[in-house]
Full PDB file with SEQRES, HELIX, SHEET, SSBOND, CRYST1, ORIGX, SCALE, CONECT and MASTER records, all heavy atoms in Angstrom:
SEQRES   1 A   42  GLY LEU PHE GLY ALA LEU SER ASN PHE SER ASP LEU VAL          
SEQRES   2 A   42  GLU HIS PHE ARG LYS THR HIS LYS VAL ILE VAL PRO ILE          
SEQRES   3 A   42  LEU PRO LEU PHE GLU LEU ASP ILE PHE HIS THR THR VAL          
SEQRES   4 A   42  HIS GLY LEU                                                  
HELIX    1 AA1 LEU A    6  PHE A    9  5                                   4    
HELIX    2 AA2 SER A   10  PHE A   16  1                                   7    
CRYST1    1.000    1.000    1.000  90.00  90.00  90.00 P 1           1          
ORIGX1      1.000000  0.000000  0.000000        0.00000                         
ORIGX2      0.000000  1.000000  0.000000        0.00000                         
ORIGX3      0.000000  0.000000  1.000000        0.00000                         
SCALE1      1.000000  0.000000  0.000000        0.00000                         
SCALE2      0.000000  1.000000  0.000000        0.00000                         
SCALE3      0.000000  0.000000  1.000000        0.00000                         
ATOM      1  N   GLY A   1       1.962   2.617 -50.670  1.00  0.00           N  
ATOM      2  CA  GLY A   1       1.855   1.529 -51.646  1.00  0.00           C  
ATOM      3  C   GLY A   1       2.776   0.360 -51.311  1.00  0.00           C  
ATOM      4  O   GLY A   1       3.255   0.264 -50.181  1.00  0.00           O  
ATOM      5  N   LEU A   2       3.001  -0.392 -52.326  1.00  0.00           N  
ATOM      6  CA  LEU A   2       3.717  -1.675 -52.192  1.00  0.00           C  
ATOM      7  C   LEU A   2       5.215  -1.498 -51.749  1.00  0.00           C  
ATOM      8  O   LEU A   2       5.756  -2.245 -50.988  1.00  0.00           O  
ATOM      9  CB  LEU A   2       3.676  -2.529 -53.482  1.00  0.00           C  
ATOM     10  CG  LEU A   2       4.045  -3.949 -53.549  1.00  0.00           C  
ATOM     11  CD1 LEU A   2       3.330  -4.746 -52.418  1.00  0.00           C  
ATOM     12  CD2 LEU A   2       3.834  -4.570 -54.893  1.00  0.00           C  
ATOM     13  N   PHE A   3       5.835  -0.431 -52.274  1.00  0.00           N  
ATOM     14  CA  PHE A   3       7.179  -0.129 -51.873  1.00  0.00           C  
ATOM     15  C   PHE A   3       7.152   1.196 -51.122  1.00  0.00           C  
ATOM     16  O   PHE A   3       8.165   1.867 -51.038  1.00  0.00           O  
ATOM     17  CB  PHE A   3       8.173  -0.044 -53.095  1.00  0.00           C  
ATOM     18  CG  PHE A   3       8.361  -1.374 -53.751  1.00  0.00           C  
ATOM     19  CD1 PHE A   3       7.569  -1.759 -54.894  1.00  0.00           C  
ATOM     20  CD2 PHE A   3       9.332  -2.307 -53.237  1.00  0.00           C  
ATOM     21  CE1 PHE A   3       7.777  -3.002 -55.505  1.00  0.00           C  
ATOM     22  CE2 PHE A   3       9.485  -3.494 -53.818  1.00  0.00           C  
ATOM     23  CZ  PHE A   3       8.703  -3.836 -54.929  1.00  0.00           C  
ATOM     24  N   GLY A   4       5.979   1.517 -50.520  1.00  0.00           N  
ATOM     25  CA  GLY A   4       5.901   2.799 -49.826  1.00  0.00           C  
ATOM     26  C   GLY A   4       6.533   2.773 -48.515  1.00  0.00           C  
ATOM     27  O   GLY A   4       6.847   1.790 -47.830  1.00  0.00           O  
ATOM     28  N   ALA A   5       6.746   4.012 -47.997  1.00  0.00           N  
ATOM     29  CA  ALA A   5       7.211   4.260 -46.715  1.00  0.00           C  
ATOM     30  C   ALA A   5       6.868   5.624 -46.264  1.00  0.00           C  
ATOM     31  O   ALA A   5       6.207   6.349 -47.029  1.00  0.00           O  
ATOM     32  CB  ALA A   5       8.770   4.057 -46.661  1.00  0.00           C  
ATOM     33  N   LEU A   6       7.160   5.948 -45.035  1.00  0.00           N  
ATOM     34  CA  LEU A   6       6.814   7.307 -44.536  1.00  0.00           C  
ATOM     35  C   LEU A   6       7.407   8.354 -45.356  1.00  0.00           C  
ATOM     36  O   LEU A   6       6.795   9.439 -45.605  1.00  0.00           O  
ATOM     37  CB  LEU A   6       7.329   7.539 -43.042  1.00  0.00           C  
ATOM     38  CG  LEU A   6       6.509   6.728 -41.958  1.00  0.00           C  
ATOM     39  CD1 LEU A   6       7.201   6.890 -40.659  1.00  0.00           C  
ATOM     40  CD2 LEU A   6       5.046   7.134 -41.951  1.00  0.00           C  
ATOM     41  N   SER A   7       8.596   8.086 -45.949  1.00  0.00           N  
ATOM     42  CA  SER A   7       9.276   9.134 -46.751  1.00  0.00           C  
ATOM     43  C   SER A   7       8.435   9.513 -47.973  1.00  0.00           C  
ATOM     44  O   SER A   7       8.554  10.680 -48.462  1.00  0.00           O  
ATOM     45  CB  SER A   7      10.620   8.579 -47.286  1.00  0.00           C  
ATOM     46  OG  SER A   7      10.486   7.457 -47.987  1.00  0.00           O  
ATOM     47  N   ASN A   8       7.584   8.605 -48.448  1.00  0.00           N  
ATOM     48  CA  ASN A   8       6.693   9.012 -49.578  1.00  0.00           C  
ATOM     49  C   ASN A   8       5.833  10.137 -49.278  1.00  0.00           C  
ATOM     50  O   ASN A   8       5.325  10.863 -50.153  1.00  0.00           O  
ATOM     51  CB  ASN A   8       5.771   7.765 -49.931  1.00  0.00           C  
ATOM     52  CG  ASN A   8       6.561   6.639 -50.488  1.00  0.00           C  
ATOM     53  OD1 ASN A   8       7.756   6.497 -50.238  1.00  0.00           O  
ATOM     54  ND2 ASN A   8       5.981   5.799 -51.289  1.00  0.00           N  
ATOM     55  N   PHE A   9       5.415  10.308 -48.035  1.00  0.00           N  
ATOM     56  CA  PHE A   9       4.454  11.358 -47.598  1.00  0.00           C  
ATOM     57  C   PHE A   9       5.036  12.423 -46.792  1.00  0.00           C  
ATOM     58  O   PHE A   9       4.295  13.261 -46.193  1.00  0.00           O  
ATOM     59  CB  PHE A   9       3.353  10.601 -46.691  1.00  0.00           C  
ATOM     60  CG  PHE A   9       2.473   9.652 -47.437  1.00  0.00           C  
ATOM     61  CD1 PHE A   9       2.322   8.314 -47.036  1.00  0.00           C  
ATOM     62  CD2 PHE A   9       1.768  10.044 -48.610  1.00  0.00           C  
ATOM     63  CE1 PHE A   9       1.547   7.434 -47.699  1.00  0.00           C  
ATOM     64  CE2 PHE A   9       0.948   9.152 -49.265  1.00  0.00           C  
ATOM     65  CZ  PHE A   9       0.852   7.813 -48.815  1.00  0.00           C  
ATOM     66  N   SER A  10       6.366  12.581 -46.803  1.00  0.00           N  
ATOM     67  CA  SER A  10       7.006  13.585 -45.831  1.00  0.00           C  
ATOM     68  C   SER A  10       6.519  14.974 -46.065  1.00  0.00           C  
ATOM     69  O   SER A  10       6.178  15.705 -45.194  1.00  0.00           O  
ATOM     70  CB  SER A  10       8.521  13.411 -45.891  1.00  0.00           C  
ATOM     71  OG  SER A  10       8.965  13.624 -47.187  1.00  0.00           O  
ATOM     72  N   ASP A  11       6.434  15.404 -47.341  1.00  0.00           N  
ATOM     73  CA  ASP A  11       5.999  16.751 -47.662  1.00  0.00           C  
ATOM     74  C   ASP A  11       4.543  16.937 -47.363  1.00  0.00           C  
ATOM     75  O   ASP A  11       4.110  18.014 -46.876  1.00  0.00           O  
ATOM     76  CB  ASP A  11       6.258  17.099 -49.156  1.00  0.00           C  
ATOM     77  CG  ASP A  11       7.712  17.208 -49.486  1.00  0.00           C  
ATOM     78  OD1 ASP A  11       8.387  18.165 -49.006  1.00  0.00           O  
ATOM     79  OD2 ASP A  11       8.290  16.356 -50.213  1.00  0.00           O  
ATOM     80  N   LEU A  12       3.837  15.922 -47.626  1.00  0.00           N  
ATOM     81  CA  LEU A  12       2.329  16.047 -47.347  1.00  0.00           C  
ATOM     82  C   LEU A  12       2.138  16.130 -45.782  1.00  0.00           C  
ATOM     83  O   LEU A  12       1.297  16.894 -45.372  1.00  0.00           O  
ATOM     84  CB  LEU A  12       1.652  14.757 -47.980  1.00  0.00           C  
ATOM     85  CG  LEU A  12       0.159  14.777 -48.105  1.00  0.00           C  
ATOM     86  CD1 LEU A  12      -0.214  13.717 -49.203  1.00  0.00           C  
ATOM     87  CD2 LEU A  12      -0.593  14.424 -46.910  1.00  0.00           C  
ATOM     88  N   VAL A  13       2.753  15.257 -45.038  1.00  0.00           N  
ATOM     89  CA  VAL A  13       2.659  15.315 -43.551  1.00  0.00           C  
ATOM     90  C   VAL A  13       2.991  16.611 -43.052  1.00  0.00           C  
ATOM     91  O   VAL A  13       2.269  17.263 -42.264  1.00  0.00           O  
ATOM     92  CB  VAL A  13       3.490  14.208 -42.916  1.00  0.00           C  
ATOM     93  CG1 VAL A  13       3.455  14.421 -41.364  1.00  0.00           C  
ATOM     94  CG2 VAL A  13       3.036  12.799 -43.307  1.00  0.00           C  
ATOM     95  N   GLU A  14       4.131  17.272 -43.505  1.00  0.00           N  
ATOM     96  CA  GLU A  14       4.613  18.515 -43.003  1.00  0.00           C  
ATOM     97  C   GLU A  14       3.685  19.634 -43.298  1.00  0.00           C  
ATOM     98  O   GLU A  14       3.460  20.506 -42.420  1.00  0.00           O  
ATOM     99  CB  GLU A  14       5.998  18.767 -43.569  1.00  0.00           C  
ATOM    100  CG  GLU A  14       6.813  19.878 -42.986  1.00  0.00           C  
ATOM    101  CD  GLU A  14       6.955  19.731 -41.461  1.00  0.00           C  
ATOM    102  OE1 GLU A  14       7.028  18.606 -40.888  1.00  0.00           O  
ATOM    103  OE2 GLU A  14       6.951  20.825 -40.784  1.00  0.00           O  
ATOM    104  N   HIS A  15       3.083  19.533 -44.498  1.00  0.00           N  
ATOM    105  CA  HIS A  15       2.155  20.600 -44.861  1.00  0.00           C  
ATOM    106  C   HIS A  15       0.797  20.581 -44.078  1.00  0.00           C  
ATOM    107  O   HIS A  15       0.293  21.533 -43.562  1.00  0.00           O  
ATOM    108  CB  HIS A  15       1.841  20.431 -46.411  1.00  0.00           C  
ATOM    109  CG  HIS A  15       0.983  21.562 -46.940  1.00  0.00           C  
ATOM    110  ND1 HIS A  15       1.466  22.739 -47.357  1.00  0.00           N  
ATOM    111  CD2 HIS A  15      -0.416  21.582 -47.093  1.00  0.00           C  
ATOM    112  CE1 HIS A  15       0.410  23.503 -47.876  1.00  0.00           C  
ATOM    113  NE2 HIS A  15      -0.693  22.813 -47.630  1.00  0.00           N  
ATOM    114  N   PHE A  16       0.197  19.328 -43.994  1.00  0.00           N  
ATOM    115  CA  PHE A  16      -1.155  19.194 -43.463  1.00  0.00           C  
ATOM    116  C   PHE A  16      -1.211  18.957 -41.907  1.00  0.00           C  
ATOM    117  O   PHE A  16      -2.328  19.128 -41.370  1.00  0.00           O  
ATOM    118  CB  PHE A  16      -1.914  18.046 -44.196  1.00  0.00           C  
ATOM    119  CG  PHE A  16      -2.283  18.466 -45.602  1.00  0.00           C  
ATOM    120  CD1 PHE A  16      -1.535  18.106 -46.680  1.00  0.00           C  
ATOM    121  CD2 PHE A  16      -3.479  19.273 -45.761  1.00  0.00           C  
ATOM    122  CE1 PHE A  16      -1.963  18.552 -47.972  1.00  0.00           C  
ATOM    123  CE2 PHE A  16      -3.860  19.580 -47.020  1.00  0.00           C  
ATOM    124  CZ  PHE A  16      -3.046  19.260 -48.123  1.00  0.00           C  
ATOM    125  N   ARG A  17      -0.058  18.748 -41.313  1.00  0.00           N  
ATOM    126  CA  ARG A  17      -0.129  18.594 -39.880  1.00  0.00           C  
ATOM    127  C   ARG A  17      -0.491  19.858 -39.140  1.00  0.00           C  
ATOM    128  O   ARG A  17      -0.864  19.943 -37.993  1.00  0.00           O  
ATOM    129  CB  ARG A  17       1.254  18.148 -39.303  1.00  0.00           C  
ATOM    130  CG  ARG A  17       2.375  19.109 -39.505  1.00  0.00           C  
ATOM    131  CD  ARG A  17       3.782  18.440 -39.391  1.00  0.00           C  
ATOM    132  NE  ARG A  17       4.005  18.147 -38.002  1.00  0.00           N  
ATOM    133  CZ  ARG A  17       4.813  18.951 -37.237  1.00  0.00           C  
ATOM    134  NH1 ARG A  17       5.316  20.059 -37.683  1.00  0.00           N  
ATOM    135  NH2 ARG A  17       5.042  18.640 -35.920  1.00  0.00           N  
ATOM    136  N   LYS A  18      -0.420  21.077 -39.872  1.00  0.00           N  
ATOM    137  CA  LYS A  18      -0.792  22.367 -39.252  1.00  0.00           C  
ATOM    138  C   LYS A  18      -2.307  22.448 -39.239  1.00  0.00           C  
ATOM    139  O   LYS A  18      -2.888  23.343 -38.452  1.00  0.00           O  
ATOM    140  CB  LYS A  18      -0.247  23.510 -40.119  1.00  0.00           C  
ATOM    141  CG  LYS A  18       1.331  23.426 -40.213  1.00  0.00           C  
ATOM    142  CD  LYS A  18       1.871  24.262 -41.308  1.00  0.00           C  
ATOM    143  CE  LYS A  18       3.375  24.046 -41.510  1.00  0.00           C  
ATOM    144  NZ  LYS A  18       3.805  24.186 -42.912  1.00  0.00           N  
ATOM    145  N   THR A  19      -3.042  21.701 -40.088  1.00  0.00           N  
ATOM    146  CA  THR A  19      -4.487  21.892 -40.129  1.00  0.00           C  
ATOM    147  C   THR A  19      -5.288  20.612 -39.835  1.00  0.00           C  
ATOM    148  O   THR A  19      -6.466  20.635 -39.642  1.00  0.00           O  
ATOM    149  CB  THR A  19      -4.935  22.373 -41.514  1.00  0.00           C  
ATOM    150  OG1 THR A  19      -4.389  21.490 -42.514  1.00  0.00           O  
ATOM    151  CG2 THR A  19      -4.339  23.768 -41.803  1.00  0.00           C  
ATOM    152  N   HIS A  20      -4.558  19.459 -39.896  1.00  0.00           N  
ATOM    153  CA  HIS A  20      -5.313  18.154 -39.807  1.00  0.00           C  
ATOM    154  C   HIS A  20      -4.516  17.238 -38.757  1.00  0.00           C  
ATOM    155  O   HIS A  20      -3.351  17.505 -38.527  1.00  0.00           O  
ATOM    156  CB  HIS A  20      -5.417  17.440 -41.134  1.00  0.00           C  
ATOM    157  CG  HIS A  20      -6.396  18.128 -42.085  1.00  0.00           C  
ATOM    158  ND1 HIS A  20      -6.076  19.260 -42.681  1.00  0.00           N  
ATOM    159  CD2 HIS A  20      -7.575  17.731 -42.453  1.00  0.00           C  
ATOM    160  CE1 HIS A  20      -7.143  19.615 -43.472  1.00  0.00           C  
ATOM    161  NE2 HIS A  20      -8.064  18.648 -43.380  1.00  0.00           N  
ATOM    162  N   LYS A  21      -5.192  16.241 -38.297  1.00  0.00           N  
ATOM    163  CA  LYS A  21      -4.503  15.134 -37.624  1.00  0.00           C  
ATOM    164  C   LYS A  21      -4.067  14.180 -38.729  1.00  0.00           C  
ATOM    165  O   LYS A  21      -4.945  13.473 -39.300  1.00  0.00           O  
ATOM    166  CB  LYS A  21      -5.428  14.463 -36.648  1.00  0.00           C  
ATOM    167  CG  LYS A  21      -4.750  13.314 -35.870  1.00  0.00           C  
ATOM    168  CD  LYS A  21      -5.734  12.707 -34.849  1.00  0.00           C  
ATOM    169  CE  LYS A  21      -5.817  13.586 -33.639  1.00  0.00           C  
ATOM    170  NZ  LYS A  21      -6.608  12.981 -32.614  1.00  0.00           N  
ATOM    171  N   VAL A  22      -2.760  14.167 -39.061  1.00  0.00           N  
ATOM    172  CA  VAL A  22      -2.340  13.381 -40.197  1.00  0.00           C  
ATOM    173  C   VAL A  22      -1.834  12.035 -39.603  1.00  0.00           C  
ATOM    174  O   VAL A  22      -0.975  11.897 -38.648  1.00  0.00           O  
ATOM    175  CB  VAL A  22      -1.162  14.030 -40.888  1.00  0.00           C  
ATOM    176  CG1 VAL A  22      -0.734  13.190 -42.104  1.00  0.00           C  
ATOM    177  CG2 VAL A  22      -1.548  15.490 -41.399  1.00  0.00           C  
ATOM    178  N   ILE A  23      -2.369  10.935 -40.154  1.00  0.00           N  
ATOM    179  CA  ILE A  23      -2.119   9.578 -39.674  1.00  0.00           C  
ATOM    180  C   ILE A  23      -1.566   8.677 -40.798  1.00  0.00           C  
ATOM    181  O   ILE A  23      -2.161   8.696 -41.935  1.00  0.00           O  
ATOM    182  CB  ILE A  23      -3.486   8.941 -39.175  1.00  0.00           C  
ATOM    183  CG1 ILE A  23      -4.098   9.866 -38.151  1.00  0.00           C  
ATOM    184  CG2 ILE A  23      -3.225   7.540 -38.597  1.00  0.00           C  
ATOM    185  CD1 ILE A  23      -5.578  10.051 -38.314  1.00  0.00           C  
ATOM    186  N   VAL A  24      -0.510   7.965 -40.541  1.00  0.00           N  
ATOM    187  CA  VAL A  24       0.034   7.028 -41.553  1.00  0.00           C  
ATOM    188  C   VAL A  24       0.215   5.677 -40.855  1.00  0.00           C  
ATOM    189  O   VAL A  24       1.261   5.518 -40.162  1.00  0.00           O  
ATOM    190  CB  VAL A  24       1.372   7.477 -42.163  1.00  0.00           C  
ATOM    191  CG1 VAL A  24       1.741   6.616 -43.370  1.00  0.00           C  
ATOM    192  CG2 VAL A  24       1.268   8.956 -42.561  1.00  0.00           C  
ATOM    193  N   PRO A  25      -0.640   4.780 -40.991  1.00  0.00           N  
ATOM    194  CA  PRO A  25      -0.387   3.441 -40.461  1.00  0.00           C  
ATOM    195  C   PRO A  25       0.532   2.710 -41.368  1.00  0.00           C  
ATOM    196  O   PRO A  25       0.523   2.864 -42.568  1.00  0.00           O  
ATOM    197  CB  PRO A  25      -1.788   2.741 -40.606  1.00  0.00           C  
ATOM    198  CG  PRO A  25      -2.550   3.477 -41.600  1.00  0.00           C  
ATOM    199  CD  PRO A  25      -2.000   4.904 -41.693  1.00  0.00           C  
ATOM    200  N   ILE A  26       1.533   1.981 -40.755  1.00  0.00           N  
ATOM    201  CA  ILE A  26       2.424   1.196 -41.567  1.00  0.00           C  
ATOM    202  C   ILE A  26       1.719  -0.144 -41.884  1.00  0.00           C  
ATOM    203  O   ILE A  26       1.422  -0.950 -40.964  1.00  0.00           O  
ATOM    204  CB  ILE A  26       3.734   0.896 -40.710  1.00  0.00           C  
ATOM    205  CG1 ILE A  26       4.281   2.215 -40.208  1.00  0.00           C  
ATOM    206  CG2 ILE A  26       4.737   0.093 -41.571  1.00  0.00           C  
ATOM    207  CD1 ILE A  26       4.658   3.210 -41.328  1.00  0.00           C  
ATOM    208  N   LEU A  27       1.444  -0.295 -43.204  1.00  0.00           N  
ATOM    209  CA  LEU A  27       0.709  -1.522 -43.605  1.00  0.00           C  
ATOM    210  C   LEU A  27       1.596  -2.723 -43.505  1.00  0.00           C  
ATOM    211  O   LEU A  27       2.834  -2.749 -43.851  1.00  0.00           O  
ATOM    212  CB  LEU A  27       0.269  -1.359 -45.037  1.00  0.00           C  
ATOM    213  CG  LEU A  27      -0.719  -0.263 -45.300  1.00  0.00           C  
ATOM    214  CD1 LEU A  27      -1.098  -0.155 -46.764  1.00  0.00           C  
ATOM    215  CD2 LEU A  27      -1.943  -0.283 -44.450  1.00  0.00           C  
ATOM    216  N   PRO A  28       1.046  -3.871 -42.906  1.00  0.00           N  
ATOM    217  CA  PRO A  28       1.910  -5.118 -42.694  1.00  0.00           C  
ATOM    218  C   PRO A  28       2.068  -5.862 -43.992  1.00  0.00           C  
ATOM    219  O   PRO A  28       1.590  -7.021 -44.109  1.00  0.00           O  
ATOM    220  CB  PRO A  28       1.045  -5.833 -41.698  1.00  0.00           C  
ATOM    221  CG  PRO A  28      -0.366  -5.439 -41.983  1.00  0.00           C  
ATOM    222  CD  PRO A  28      -0.330  -4.033 -42.520  1.00  0.00           C  
ATOM    223  N   LEU A  29       2.744  -5.288 -44.948  1.00  0.00           N  
ATOM    224  CA  LEU A  29       2.966  -5.960 -46.239  1.00  0.00           C  
ATOM    225  C   LEU A  29       3.628  -7.273 -46.164  1.00  0.00           C  
ATOM    226  O   LEU A  29       3.340  -8.212 -46.878  1.00  0.00           O  
ATOM    227  CB  LEU A  29       3.760  -5.026 -47.173  1.00  0.00           C  
ATOM    228  CG  LEU A  29       3.247  -3.622 -47.444  1.00  0.00           C  
ATOM    229  CD1 LEU A  29       4.176  -2.799 -48.378  1.00  0.00           C  
ATOM    230  CD2 LEU A  29       1.857  -3.624 -48.052  1.00  0.00           C  
ATOM    231  N   PHE A  30       4.512  -7.479 -45.196  1.00  0.00           N  
ATOM    232  CA  PHE A  30       5.245  -8.637 -45.085  1.00  0.00           C  
ATOM    233  C   PHE A  30       5.062  -9.411 -43.797  1.00  0.00           C  
ATOM    234  O   PHE A  30       5.664 -10.421 -43.475  1.00  0.00           O  
ATOM    235  CB  PHE A  30       6.780  -8.191 -45.083  1.00  0.00           C  
ATOM    236  CG  PHE A  30       7.160  -7.420 -46.257  1.00  0.00           C  
ATOM    237  CD1 PHE A  30       7.711  -6.128 -46.148  1.00  0.00           C  
ATOM    238  CD2 PHE A  30       6.932  -7.873 -47.640  1.00  0.00           C  
ATOM    239  CE1 PHE A  30       7.918  -5.347 -47.177  1.00  0.00           C  
ATOM    240  CE2 PHE A  30       7.204  -7.081 -48.643  1.00  0.00           C  
ATOM    241  CZ  PHE A  30       7.766  -5.761 -48.489  1.00  0.00           C  
ATOM    242  N   GLU A  31       4.076  -8.948 -42.963  1.00  0.00           N  
ATOM    243  CA  GLU A  31       3.843  -9.604 -41.645  1.00  0.00           C  
ATOM    244  C   GLU A  31       2.654 -10.568 -41.644  1.00  0.00           C  
ATOM    245  O   GLU A  31       2.594 -11.446 -40.819  1.00  0.00           O  
ATOM    246  CB  GLU A  31       3.596  -8.545 -40.585  1.00  0.00           C  
ATOM    247  CG  GLU A  31       4.916  -7.775 -40.118  1.00  0.00           C  
ATOM    248  CD  GLU A  31       5.366  -6.738 -41.155  1.00  0.00           C  
ATOM    249  OE1 GLU A  31       4.464  -6.019 -41.608  1.00  0.00           O  
ATOM    250  OE2 GLU A  31       6.554  -6.704 -41.443  1.00  0.00           O  
ATOM    251  N   LEU A  32       1.690 -10.288 -42.636  1.00  0.00           N  
ATOM    252  CA  LEU A  32       0.551 -11.225 -42.571  1.00  0.00           C  
ATOM    253  C   LEU A  32       0.853 -12.516 -43.116  1.00  0.00           C  
ATOM    254  O   LEU A  32       1.800 -12.776 -43.883  1.00  0.00           O  
ATOM    255  CB  LEU A  32      -0.478 -10.618 -43.507  1.00  0.00           C  
ATOM    256  CG  LEU A  32      -1.136  -9.158 -43.058  1.00  0.00           C  
ATOM    257  CD1 LEU A  32      -2.067  -8.668 -44.104  1.00  0.00           C  
ATOM    258  CD2 LEU A  32      -1.773  -9.338 -41.719  1.00  0.00           C  
ATOM    259  N   ASP A  33       0.151 -13.529 -42.698  1.00  0.00           N  
ATOM    260  CA  ASP A  33       0.306 -14.893 -43.286  1.00  0.00           C  
ATOM    261  C   ASP A  33      -0.011 -14.874 -44.774  1.00  0.00           C  
ATOM    262  O   ASP A  33      -0.746 -13.950 -45.170  1.00  0.00           O  
ATOM    263  CB  ASP A  33      -0.419 -15.977 -42.515  1.00  0.00           C  
ATOM    264  CG  ASP A  33      -1.947 -15.846 -42.609  1.00  0.00           C  
ATOM    265  OD1 ASP A  33      -2.480 -16.065 -43.745  1.00  0.00           O  
ATOM    266  OD2 ASP A  33      -2.577 -15.472 -41.607  1.00  0.00           O  
ATOM    267  N   ILE A  34       0.490 -15.802 -45.495  1.00  0.00           N  
ATOM    268  CA  ILE A  34       0.329 -15.770 -46.917  1.00  0.00           C  
ATOM    269  C   ILE A  34      -1.133 -15.770 -47.416  1.00  0.00           C  
ATOM    270  O   ILE A  34      -1.509 -15.169 -48.426  1.00  0.00           O  
ATOM    271  CB  ILE A  34       1.129 -16.909 -47.686  1.00  0.00           C  
ATOM    272  CG1 ILE A  34       1.314 -16.579 -49.167  1.00  0.00           C  
ATOM    273  CG2 ILE A  34       0.502 -18.219 -47.440  1.00  0.00           C  
ATOM    274  CD1 ILE A  34       2.174 -15.482 -49.444  1.00  0.00           C  
ATOM    275  N   PHE A  35      -2.019 -16.392 -46.626  1.00  0.00           N  
ATOM    276  CA  PHE A  35      -3.446 -16.469 -47.009  1.00  0.00           C  
ATOM    277  C   PHE A  35      -4.060 -15.081 -46.830  1.00  0.00           C  
ATOM    278  O   PHE A  35      -4.997 -14.772 -47.699  1.00  0.00           O  
ATOM    279  CB  PHE A  35      -4.171 -17.443 -46.066  1.00  0.00           C  
ATOM    280  CG  PHE A  35      -5.570 -17.620 -46.293  1.00  0.00           C  
ATOM    281  CD1 PHE A  35      -6.070 -18.301 -47.381  1.00  0.00           C  
ATOM    282  CD2 PHE A  35      -6.541 -17.042 -45.504  1.00  0.00           C  
ATOM    283  CE1 PHE A  35      -7.444 -18.402 -47.697  1.00  0.00           C  
ATOM    284  CE2 PHE A  35      -7.972 -17.093 -45.781  1.00  0.00           C  
ATOM    285  CZ  PHE A  35      -8.373 -17.827 -46.880  1.00  0.00           C  
ATOM    286  N   HIS A  36      -3.588 -14.269 -45.962  1.00  0.00           N  
ATOM    287  CA  HIS A  36      -4.197 -12.858 -45.798  1.00  0.00           C  
ATOM    288  C   HIS A  36      -3.308 -11.810 -46.441  1.00  0.00           C  
ATOM    289  O   HIS A  36      -3.655 -10.624 -46.311  1.00  0.00           O  
ATOM    290  CB  HIS A  36      -4.347 -12.577 -44.278  1.00  0.00           C  
ATOM    291  CG  HIS A  36      -5.410 -13.401 -43.602  1.00  0.00           C  
ATOM    292  ND1 HIS A  36      -5.133 -14.535 -42.879  1.00  0.00           N  
ATOM    293  CD2 HIS A  36      -6.725 -13.372 -43.668  1.00  0.00           C  
ATOM    294  CE1 HIS A  36      -6.234 -15.088 -42.476  1.00  0.00           C  
ATOM    295  NE2 HIS A  36      -7.289 -14.382 -42.929  1.00  0.00           N  
ATOM    296  N   THR A  37      -2.239 -12.165 -47.159  1.00  0.00           N  
ATOM    297  CA  THR A  37      -1.454 -11.207 -47.857  1.00  0.00           C  
ATOM    298  C   THR A  37      -2.157 -10.816 -49.119  1.00  0.00           C  
ATOM    299  O   THR A  37      -1.753 -11.303 -50.214  1.00  0.00           O  
ATOM    300  CB  THR A  37      -0.069 -11.802 -48.106  1.00  0.00           C  
ATOM    301  OG1 THR A  37       0.553 -12.098 -46.806  1.00  0.00           O  
ATOM    302  CG2 THR A  37       0.913 -10.676 -48.733  1.00  0.00           C  
ATOM    303  N   THR A  38      -3.229 -10.065 -49.001  1.00  0.00           N  
ATOM    304  CA  THR A  38      -4.052  -9.685 -50.170  1.00  0.00           C  
ATOM    305  C   THR A  38      -4.500  -8.287 -49.896  1.00  0.00           C  
ATOM    306  O   THR A  38      -4.375  -7.666 -48.829  1.00  0.00           O  
ATOM    307  CB  THR A  38      -5.337 -10.563 -50.224  1.00  0.00           C  
ATOM    308  OG1 THR A  38      -6.060 -10.376 -48.965  1.00  0.00           O  
ATOM    309  CG2 THR A  38      -5.003 -11.969 -50.380  1.00  0.00           C  
ATOM    310  N   VAL A  39      -5.061  -7.648 -50.961  1.00  0.00           N  
ATOM    311  CA  VAL A  39      -5.687  -6.320 -50.755  1.00  0.00           C  
ATOM    312  C   VAL A  39      -6.741  -6.311 -49.710  1.00  0.00           C  
ATOM    313  O   VAL A  39      -6.773  -5.375 -48.868  1.00  0.00           O  
ATOM    314  CB  VAL A  39      -6.231  -5.892 -52.133  1.00  0.00           C  
ATOM    315  CG1 VAL A  39      -6.980  -4.486 -51.997  1.00  0.00           C  
ATOM    316  CG2 VAL A  39      -5.178  -5.674 -53.152  1.00  0.00           C  
ATOM    317  N   HIS A  40      -7.520  -7.381 -49.673  1.00  0.00           N  
ATOM    318  CA  HIS A  40      -8.659  -7.372 -48.722  1.00  0.00           C  
ATOM    319  C   HIS A  40      -8.080  -7.698 -47.262  1.00  0.00           C  
ATOM    320  O   HIS A  40      -8.637  -7.163 -46.307  1.00  0.00           O  
ATOM    321  CB  HIS A  40      -9.621  -8.599 -49.125  1.00  0.00           C  
ATOM    322  CG  HIS A  40     -10.497  -8.098 -50.276  1.00  0.00           C  
ATOM    323  ND1 HIS A  40     -11.826  -7.656 -50.145  1.00  0.00           N  
ATOM    324  CD2 HIS A  40     -10.267  -8.149 -51.578  1.00  0.00           C  
ATOM    325  CE1 HIS A  40     -12.252  -7.340 -51.298  1.00  0.00           C  
ATOM    326  NE2 HIS A  40     -11.396  -7.713 -52.234  1.00  0.00           N  
ATOM    327  N   GLY A  41      -6.964  -8.365 -47.222  1.00  0.00           N  
ATOM    328  CA  GLY A  41      -6.349  -8.592 -45.906  1.00  0.00           C  
ATOM    329  C   GLY A  41      -5.778  -7.306 -45.312  1.00  0.00           C  
ATOM    330  O   GLY A  41      -5.940  -7.013 -44.125  1.00  0.00           O  
ATOM    331  N   LEU A  42      -5.229  -6.453 -46.180  1.00  0.00           N  
ATOM    332  CA  LEU A  42      -4.776  -5.109 -45.735  1.00  0.00           C  
ATOM    333  C   LEU A  42      -5.913  -4.202 -45.407  1.00  0.00           C  
ATOM    334  O   LEU A  42      -5.800  -3.413 -44.445  1.00  0.00           O  
ATOM    335  CB  LEU A  42      -3.930  -4.425 -46.889  1.00  0.00           C  
ATOM    336  CG  LEU A  42      -2.572  -5.175 -47.231  1.00  0.00           C  
ATOM    337  CD1 LEU A  42      -1.870  -4.518 -48.337  1.00  0.00           C  
ATOM    338  CD2 LEU A  42      -1.606  -5.154 -45.937  1.00  0.00           C  
TER     339      LEU A  42                                                      
MASTER        0    0    0    2    0    0    0    6  338    1    0    4          
END                                                                             
């Protein structure tokens, strides 16, 4: 989410990495230009 980080998912990653390929892309909340800083841009 908006103030999210990998730490938000640490327990989930640790649990499901045994059975799934767990992927967490770091969303560019602050890197997109202001025109694309939207839900649709993400």
